[in-house]
Amino acid sequence: MPARRGRNKQRPESSDPLVRFAAAVKRSDERALVERERIKAEREEAARLAQIAADHAEAIRVARRRLDKAIGAAKSARASGRGVAEADLAWRHAKARVIELETGEAPGWTLD
């Protein structure tokens, strides 16, 4: 009959109630530690995602402010008849940035 190697034999549980209690407490502590680490990791991930969302919202706010300034500059340029091409180009870039931030893709009509 071949030898049975490689099998992990579990130790028979001790009949001493103190030893069994200590083992149960140890297993309970290990489970509690794993649970605390899982909760901590979930909180850190939630905080990271919240920071990413806040940064994105701030980037959109800044891009919209730049778009508003570019629109004003384009209106002024059209009224004065000077710098219309530059103002239109600035408006296109500002509008493209807003669209990119809102949709996640740059529009196909941008000129870089």
N, C-alpha and C. Protein backbone atom coordinates (compact mmCIF):
# COMPACT_ATOMS: atom_id res chain seq x y z
N MET A 1 0.84 -1.17 0.00
CA MET A 1 0.00 0.00 0.00
C MET A 1 0.89 1.24 0.00
N PRO A 2 0.61 2.21 -0.90
CA PRO A 2 1.45 3.40 -0.99
C PRO A 2 1.29 4.29 0.24
N ALA A 3 2.36 4.99 0.53
CA ALA A 3 2.33 5.92 1.67
C ALA A 3 1.51 7.14 1.28
N ARG A 4 0.80 7.66 2.22
CA ARG A 4 -0.04 8.85 1.97
C ARG A 4 0.71 10.08 2.45
N ARG A 5 1.47 10.62 1.54
CA ARG A 5 2.25 11.80 1.87
C ARG A 5 1.55 13.05 1.33
N GLY A 6 1.86 14.15 1.93
CA GLY A 6 1.36 15.41 1.42
C GLY A 6 0.00 15.81 1.97
N ARG A 7 -0.62 14.96 2.71
CA ARG A 7 -1.91 15.34 3.27
C ARG A 7 -1.69 16.10 4.57
N ASN A 8 -2.42 17.13 4.72
CA ASN A 8 -2.34 17.90 5.96
C ASN A 8 -3.27 17.26 6.98
N LYS A 9 -2.68 16.75 7.98
CA LYS A 9 -3.51 16.14 9.03
C LYS A 9 -3.80 17.21 10.07
N GLN A 10 -5.05 17.37 10.35
CA GLN A 10 -5.42 18.32 11.39
C GLN A 10 -5.21 17.69 12.75
N ARG A 11 -4.81 18.54 13.64
CA ARG A 11 -4.60 18.05 14.99
C ARG A 11 -5.95 17.75 15.63
N PRO A 12 -6.02 16.72 16.35
CA PRO A 12 -7.29 16.46 17.04
C PRO A 12 -7.50 17.54 18.09
N GLU A 13 -8.74 17.97 18.22
CA GLU A 13 -9.03 19.02 19.20
C GLU A 13 -8.77 18.49 20.60
N SER A 14 -8.23 19.38 21.38
CA SER A 14 -7.91 19.01 22.76
C SER A 14 -9.21 18.86 23.55
N SER A 15 -9.17 18.02 24.50
CA SER A 15 -10.36 17.85 25.35
C SER A 15 -10.37 18.86 26.49
N ASP A 16 -9.27 19.60 26.60
CA ASP A 16 -9.19 20.63 27.65
C ASP A 16 -10.04 21.82 27.23
N PRO A 17 -11.05 22.20 28.01
CA PRO A 17 -11.91 23.32 27.63
C PRO A 17 -11.16 24.64 27.55
N LEU A 18 -10.12 24.82 28.32
CA LEU A 18 -9.35 26.05 28.29
C LEU A 18 -8.62 26.19 26.95
N VAL A 19 -8.07 25.12 26.45
CA VAL A 19 -7.37 25.14 25.17
C VAL A 19 -8.36 25.39 24.05
N ARG A 20 -9.51 24.75 24.09
CA ARG A 20 -10.54 24.98 23.06
C ARG A 20 -11.03 26.42 23.10
N PHE A 21 -11.21 26.97 24.29
CA PHE A 21 -11.66 28.36 24.42
C PHE A 21 -10.62 29.31 23.84
N ALA A 22 -9.34 29.08 24.16
CA ALA A 22 -8.27 29.93 23.64
C ALA A 22 -8.23 29.87 22.11
N ALA A 23 -8.40 28.70 21.55
CA ALA A 23 -8.40 28.56 20.09
C ALA A 23 -9.60 29.29 19.48
N ALA A 24 -10.74 29.20 20.12
CA ALA A 24 -11.93 29.89 19.62
C ALA A 24 -11.74 31.40 19.67
N VAL A 25 -11.14 31.89 20.75
CA VAL A 25 -10.89 33.33 20.88
C VAL A 25 -9.91 33.78 19.80
N LYS A 26 -8.89 32.98 19.56
CA LYS A 26 -7.90 33.32 18.54
C LYS A 26 -8.55 33.39 17.15
N ARG A 27 -9.37 32.40 16.83
CA ARG A 27 -10.07 32.42 15.53
C ARG A 27 -11.00 33.63 15.43
N SER A 28 -11.67 33.94 16.51
CA SER A 28 -12.58 35.09 16.52
C SER A 28 -11.81 36.39 16.32
N ASP A 29 -10.66 36.52 16.98
CA ASP A 29 -9.83 37.70 16.82
C ASP A 29 -9.32 37.84 15.39
N GLU A 30 -8.94 36.72 14.80
CA GLU A 30 -8.47 36.75 13.41
C GLU A 30 -9.58 37.19 12.46
N ARG A 31 -10.78 36.68 12.66
CA ARG A 31 -11.92 37.10 11.82
C ARG A 31 -12.22 38.58 12.03
N ALA A 32 -12.16 39.04 13.28
CA ALA A 32 -12.44 40.46 13.55
C ALA A 32 -11.38 41.35 12.90
N LEU A 33 -10.12 40.93 12.93
CA LEU A 33 -9.05 41.70 12.29
C LEU A 33 -9.27 41.78 10.79
N VAL A 34 -9.61 40.67 10.18
CA VAL A 34 -9.87 40.66 8.73
C VAL A 34 -11.04 41.59 8.41
N GLU A 35 -12.08 41.55 9.22
CA GLU A 35 -13.25 42.41 8.98
C GLU A 35 -12.88 43.89 9.14
N ARG A 36 -12.10 44.22 10.17
CA ARG A 36 -11.67 45.62 10.35
C ARG A 36 -10.82 46.10 9.18
N GLU A 37 -9.94 45.24 8.70
CA GLU A 37 -9.11 45.61 7.56
C GLU A 37 -9.96 45.80 6.31
N ARG A 38 -10.96 44.96 6.12
CA ARG A 38 -11.85 45.09 4.96
C ARG A 38 -12.62 46.41 5.02
N ILE A 39 -13.14 46.75 6.21
CA ILE A 39 -13.89 48.00 6.38
C ILE A 39 -12.98 49.20 6.14
N LYS A 40 -11.75 49.12 6.66
CA LYS A 40 -10.80 50.22 6.47
C LYS A 40 -10.49 50.41 4.99
N ALA A 41 -10.27 49.30 4.28
CA ALA A 41 -9.98 49.37 2.85
C ALA A 41 -11.16 49.96 2.08
N GLU A 42 -12.38 49.57 2.45
CA GLU A 42 -13.57 50.13 1.79
C GLU A 42 -13.69 51.62 2.04
N ARG A 43 -13.41 52.06 3.26
CA ARG A 43 -13.47 53.50 3.56
C ARG A 43 -12.41 54.27 2.79
N GLU A 44 -11.21 53.72 2.71
CA GLU A 44 -10.15 54.39 1.96
C GLU A 44 -10.50 54.49 0.49
N GLU A 45 -11.08 53.44 -0.06
CA GLU A 45 -11.48 53.45 -1.47
C GLU A 45 -12.59 54.47 -1.69
N ALA A 46 -13.55 54.54 -0.77
CA ALA A 46 -14.63 55.52 -0.89
C ALA A 46 -14.07 56.94 -0.82
N ALA A 47 -13.12 57.17 0.07
CA ALA A 47 -12.52 58.50 0.18
C ALA A 47 -11.74 58.85 -1.09
N ARG A 48 -11.04 57.87 -1.64
CA ARG A 48 -10.29 58.09 -2.88
C ARG A 48 -11.24 58.44 -4.04
N LEU A 49 -12.33 57.69 -4.14
CA LEU A 49 -13.30 57.97 -5.21
C LEU A 49 -13.97 59.32 -5.02
N ALA A 50 -14.24 59.68 -3.77
CA ALA A 50 -14.85 60.98 -3.50
C ALA A 50 -13.90 62.11 -3.90
N GLN A 51 -12.60 61.93 -3.63
CA GLN A 51 -11.62 62.94 -4.02
C GLN A 51 -11.51 63.06 -5.53
N ILE A 52 -11.56 61.93 -6.22
CA ILE A 52 -11.52 61.96 -7.69
C ILE A 52 -12.74 62.71 -8.23
N ALA A 53 -13.91 62.44 -7.65
CA ALA A 53 -15.13 63.11 -8.10
C ALA A 53 -15.07 64.61 -7.81
N ALA A 54 -14.54 64.99 -6.65
CA ALA A 54 -14.42 66.42 -6.31
C ALA A 54 -13.44 67.11 -7.26
N ASP A 55 -12.33 66.46 -7.56
CA ASP A 55 -11.36 67.03 -8.50
C ASP A 55 -11.97 67.20 -9.88
N HIS A 56 -12.75 66.22 -10.31
CA HIS A 56 -13.40 66.30 -11.62
C HIS A 56 -14.42 67.44 -11.65
N ALA A 57 -15.19 67.57 -10.59
CA ALA A 57 -16.18 68.65 -10.53
C ALA A 57 -15.49 70.01 -10.56
N GLU A 58 -14.37 70.13 -9.88
CA GLU A 58 -13.62 71.39 -9.89
C GLU A 58 -13.07 71.68 -11.28
N ALA A 59 -12.57 70.64 -11.96
CA ALA A 59 -12.06 70.83 -13.31
C ALA A 59 -13.17 71.29 -14.26
N ILE A 60 -14.36 70.74 -14.11
CA ILE A 60 -15.49 71.16 -14.94
C ILE A 60 -15.86 72.62 -14.64
N ARG A 61 -15.85 72.97 -13.36
CA ARG A 61 -16.19 74.35 -12.98
C ARG A 61 -15.19 75.33 -13.59
N VAL A 62 -13.91 75.01 -13.52
CA VAL A 62 -12.87 75.88 -14.09
C VAL A 62 -13.02 75.96 -15.61
N ALA A 63 -13.29 74.82 -16.26
CA ALA A 63 -13.44 74.81 -17.71
C ALA A 63 -14.65 75.63 -18.15
N ARG A 64 -15.73 75.56 -17.40
CA ARG A 64 -16.91 76.36 -17.74
C ARG A 64 -16.63 77.84 -17.57
N ARG A 65 -15.87 78.18 -16.52
CA ARG A 65 -15.52 79.59 -16.31
C ARG A 65 -14.67 80.10 -17.48
N ARG A 66 -13.72 79.28 -17.93
CA ARG A 66 -12.89 79.66 -19.09
C ARG A 66 -13.74 79.78 -20.35
N LEU A 67 -14.72 78.90 -20.48
CA LEU A 67 -15.61 78.98 -21.65
C LEU A 67 -16.41 80.28 -21.61
N ASP A 68 -16.91 80.64 -20.45
CA ASP A 68 -17.67 81.89 -20.34
C ASP A 68 -16.79 83.08 -20.71
N LYS A 69 -15.54 83.08 -20.26
CA LYS A 69 -14.62 84.18 -20.61
C LYS A 69 -14.34 84.18 -22.11
N ALA A 70 -14.19 83.00 -22.70
CA ALA A 70 -13.93 82.91 -24.14
C ALA A 70 -15.13 83.40 -24.94
N ILE A 71 -16.32 83.11 -24.47
CA ILE A 71 -17.53 83.60 -25.14
C ILE A 71 -17.57 85.12 -25.09
N GLY A 72 -17.28 85.67 -23.92
CA GLY A 72 -17.24 87.13 -23.78
C GLY A 72 -16.19 87.75 -24.68
N ALA A 73 -15.02 87.13 -24.75
CA ALA A 73 -13.96 87.65 -25.61
C ALA A 73 -14.36 87.56 -27.08
N ALA A 74 -15.04 86.49 -27.47
CA ALA A 74 -15.49 86.34 -28.86
C ALA A 74 -16.53 87.40 -29.21
N LYS A 75 -17.43 87.68 -28.28
CA LYS A 75 -18.43 88.73 -28.52
C LYS A 75 -17.77 90.09 -28.66
N SER A 76 -16.81 90.36 -27.80
CA SER A 76 -16.09 91.64 -27.88
C SER A 76 -15.32 91.74 -29.19
N ALA A 77 -14.68 90.66 -29.60
CA ALA A 77 -13.90 90.67 -30.83
C ALA A 77 -14.82 90.89 -32.04
N ARG A 78 -15.97 90.26 -32.03
CA ARG A 78 -16.90 90.46 -33.15
C ARG A 78 -17.42 91.91 -33.18
N ALA A 79 -17.66 92.45 -32.00
CA ALA A 79 -18.15 93.83 -31.94
C ALA A 79 -17.09 94.81 -32.43
N SER A 80 -15.84 94.57 -32.08
CA SER A 80 -14.77 95.49 -32.47
C SER A 80 -14.21 95.16 -33.85
N GLY A 81 -14.42 93.94 -34.30
CA GLY A 81 -13.90 93.54 -35.61
C GLY A 81 -12.44 93.16 -35.58
N ARG A 82 -11.83 93.07 -34.41
CA ARG A 82 -10.41 92.72 -34.30
C ARG A 82 -10.25 91.45 -33.47
N GLY A 83 -9.35 90.59 -33.90
CA GLY A 83 -9.03 89.39 -33.14
C GLY A 83 -10.12 88.33 -33.13
N VAL A 84 -10.96 88.33 -34.16
CA VAL A 84 -12.08 87.39 -34.21
C VAL A 84 -11.57 85.94 -34.33
N ALA A 85 -10.57 85.73 -35.18
CA ALA A 85 -10.06 84.37 -35.40
C ALA A 85 -9.45 83.81 -34.11
N GLU A 86 -8.66 84.62 -33.41
CA GLU A 86 -8.05 84.17 -32.16
C GLU A 86 -9.11 83.89 -31.10
N ALA A 87 -10.12 84.77 -31.02
CA ALA A 87 -11.18 84.59 -30.04
C ALA A 87 -12.00 83.34 -30.35
N ASP A 88 -12.27 83.10 -31.64
CA ASP A 88 -13.01 81.90 -32.01
C ASP A 88 -12.20 80.62 -31.69
N LEU A 89 -10.90 80.67 -31.93
CA LEU A 89 -10.05 79.53 -31.62
C LEU A 89 -10.03 79.27 -30.11
N ALA A 90 -9.94 80.32 -29.33
CA ALA A 90 -9.95 80.17 -27.86
C ALA A 90 -11.30 79.59 -27.42
N TRP A 91 -12.39 80.05 -28.04
CA TRP A 91 -13.71 79.52 -27.70
C TRP A 91 -13.79 78.03 -28.05
N ARG A 92 -13.27 77.65 -29.22
CA ARG A 92 -13.31 76.23 -29.63
C ARG A 92 -12.55 75.35 -28.65
N HIS A 93 -11.39 75.81 -28.22
CA HIS A 93 -10.60 75.02 -27.27
C HIS A 93 -11.30 74.93 -25.91
N ALA A 94 -11.87 76.04 -25.47
CA ALA A 94 -12.57 76.03 -24.18
C ALA A 94 -13.80 75.13 -24.24
N LYS A 95 -14.54 75.21 -25.33
CA LYS A 95 -15.73 74.37 -25.49
C LYS A 95 -15.34 72.90 -25.59
N ALA A 96 -14.26 72.60 -26.29
CA ALA A 96 -13.80 71.22 -26.42
C ALA A 96 -13.40 70.66 -25.06
N ARG A 97 -12.78 71.48 -24.23
CA ARG A 97 -12.37 71.01 -22.89
C ARG A 97 -13.60 70.71 -22.04
N VAL A 98 -14.62 71.55 -22.10
CA VAL A 98 -15.85 71.30 -21.34
C VAL A 98 -16.50 70.00 -21.81
N ILE A 99 -16.59 69.82 -23.12
CA ILE A 99 -17.20 68.61 -23.66
C ILE A 99 -16.40 67.38 -23.25
N GLU A 100 -15.07 67.49 -23.30
CA GLU A 100 -14.22 66.36 -22.92
C GLU A 100 -14.42 65.98 -21.45
N LEU A 101 -14.51 66.98 -20.59
CA LEU A 101 -14.70 66.69 -19.16
C LEU A 101 -16.09 66.12 -18.88
N GLU A 102 -17.08 66.58 -19.60
CA GLU A 102 -18.45 66.12 -19.35
C GLU A 102 -18.72 64.74 -19.94
N THR A 103 -18.13 64.44 -21.10
CA THR A 103 -18.43 63.18 -21.77
C THR A 103 -17.31 62.14 -21.64
N GLY A 104 -16.12 62.59 -21.38
CA GLY A 104 -15.00 61.67 -21.29
C GLY A 104 -14.23 61.51 -22.59
N GLU A 105 -14.70 62.13 -23.68
CA GLU A 105 -13.99 62.06 -24.95
C GLU A 105 -13.92 63.45 -25.57
N ALA A 106 -12.83 63.71 -26.22
CA ALA A 106 -12.68 64.99 -26.90
C ALA A 106 -13.52 64.97 -28.17
N PRO A 107 -14.14 66.09 -28.50
CA PRO A 107 -14.94 66.13 -29.73
C PRO A 107 -14.02 66.02 -30.96
N GLY A 108 -14.58 65.51 -32.03
CA GLY A 108 -13.80 65.30 -33.24
C GLY A 108 -13.48 66.56 -34.01
N TRP A 109 -14.12 67.66 -33.69
CA TRP A 109 -13.93 68.87 -34.48
C TRP A 109 -12.84 69.79 -33.96
N THR A 110 -12.13 69.39 -32.92
CA THR A 110 -11.09 70.28 -32.36
C THR A 110 -9.88 70.33 -33.28
N LEU A 111 -9.21 71.45 -33.26
CA LEU A 111 -7.98 71.64 -34.02
C LEU A 111 -6.84 71.82 -33.04
N ASP A 112 -5.94 70.87 -33.02
CA ASP A 112 -4.79 71.00 -32.11
C ASP A 112 -3.52 71.20 -32.85
